[in-house]
Amino acid sequence: MRRFVVGPGVLEVVTFGPDHPGAVAGGARVFYERLGFTPGEAAPAGPEGGSRQRYRRVVT
């Protein structure tokens, strides 16, 4: 990430909410958590109606 993101700042992504099938163990949420992102507030539902959540990582 350091190759593309210059700090200081906050990098934010939107991924599946905890009740979405894409959030199962080893899914998108685990991927972002392994990269150092922390869960934030809920985001608007996805196009299929599934829940979404913001994840953030502080970049120094």
Protein backbone atom coordinates (compact mmCIF):
# COMPACT_ATOMS: atom_id res chain seq x y z
CA MET A 1 0.00 0.00 0.00
CA ARG A 2 2.83 2.40 0.71
CA ARG A 3 3.60 2.37 -2.98
CA PHE A 4 0.25 4.00 -3.77
CA VAL A 5 -0.78 5.81 -0.57
CA VAL A 6 1.25 8.60 0.98
CA GLY A 7 0.51 9.62 4.57
CA PRO A 8 -0.39 11.06 6.83
CA GLY A 9 -4.02 10.30 6.31
CA VAL A 10 -6.76 7.71 6.53
CA LEU A 11 -7.50 5.08 3.90
CA GLU A 12 -11.13 4.01 3.81
CA VAL A 13 -12.81 1.10 2.03
CA VAL A 14 -16.37 -0.21 1.99
CA THR A 15 -16.83 -3.96 2.21
CA PHE A 16 -19.48 -6.49 3.16
CA GLY A 17 -21.39 -6.09 6.42
CA PRO A 18 -21.14 -8.79 9.11
CA ASP A 19 -24.38 -10.51 8.01
CA HIS A 20 -23.46 -10.68 4.31
CA PRO A 21 -22.40 -14.06 2.81
CA GLY A 22 -19.17 -12.44 1.57
CA ALA A 23 -18.21 -11.78 5.20
CA VAL A 24 -17.69 -15.43 6.12
CA ALA A 25 -14.43 -16.50 7.76
CA GLY A 26 -11.59 -15.90 5.32
CA GLY A 27 -13.69 -13.45 3.30
CA ALA A 28 -13.37 -9.76 2.54
CA ARG A 29 -13.60 -8.55 6.14
CA VAL A 30 -10.78 -10.83 7.28
CA PHE A 31 -8.72 -9.69 4.28
CA TYR A 32 -8.97 -6.03 5.30
CA GLU A 33 -8.39 -6.76 8.98
CA ARG A 34 -5.17 -8.60 8.09
CA LEU A 35 -4.06 -5.47 6.24
CA GLY A 36 -4.51 -3.41 9.41
CA PHE A 37 -7.94 -1.92 8.72
CA THR A 38 -10.44 -1.54 11.56
CA PRO A 39 -14.22 -1.71 11.24
CA GLY A 40 -16.16 1.55 11.28
CA GLU A 41 -19.77 2.51 10.83
CA ALA A 42 -22.29 0.92 8.49
CA ALA A 43 -22.35 2.06 4.86
CA PRO A 44 -25.31 2.17 2.46
CA ALA A 45 -26.51 -1.25 1.29
CA GLY A 46 -24.97 -2.74 -1.84
CA PRO A 47 -26.79 -3.04 -5.19
CA GLU A 48 -28.15 -6.47 -4.25
CA GLY A 49 -29.47 -5.10 -0.95
CA GLY A 50 -26.75 -6.68 1.22
CA SER A 51 -25.24 -4.85 4.15
CA ARG A 52 -21.97 -2.92 3.85
CA GLN A 53 -19.49 -1.54 6.39
CA ARG A 54 -16.66 0.98 6.26
CA TYR A 55 -13.16 -0.08 7.21
CA ARG A 56 -10.34 2.38 7.91
CA ARG A 57 -6.59 2.32 8.20
CA VAL A 58 -4.41 5.17 9.38
CA VAL A 59 -1.50 5.82 7.03
CA THR A 60 1.58 7.45 8.55
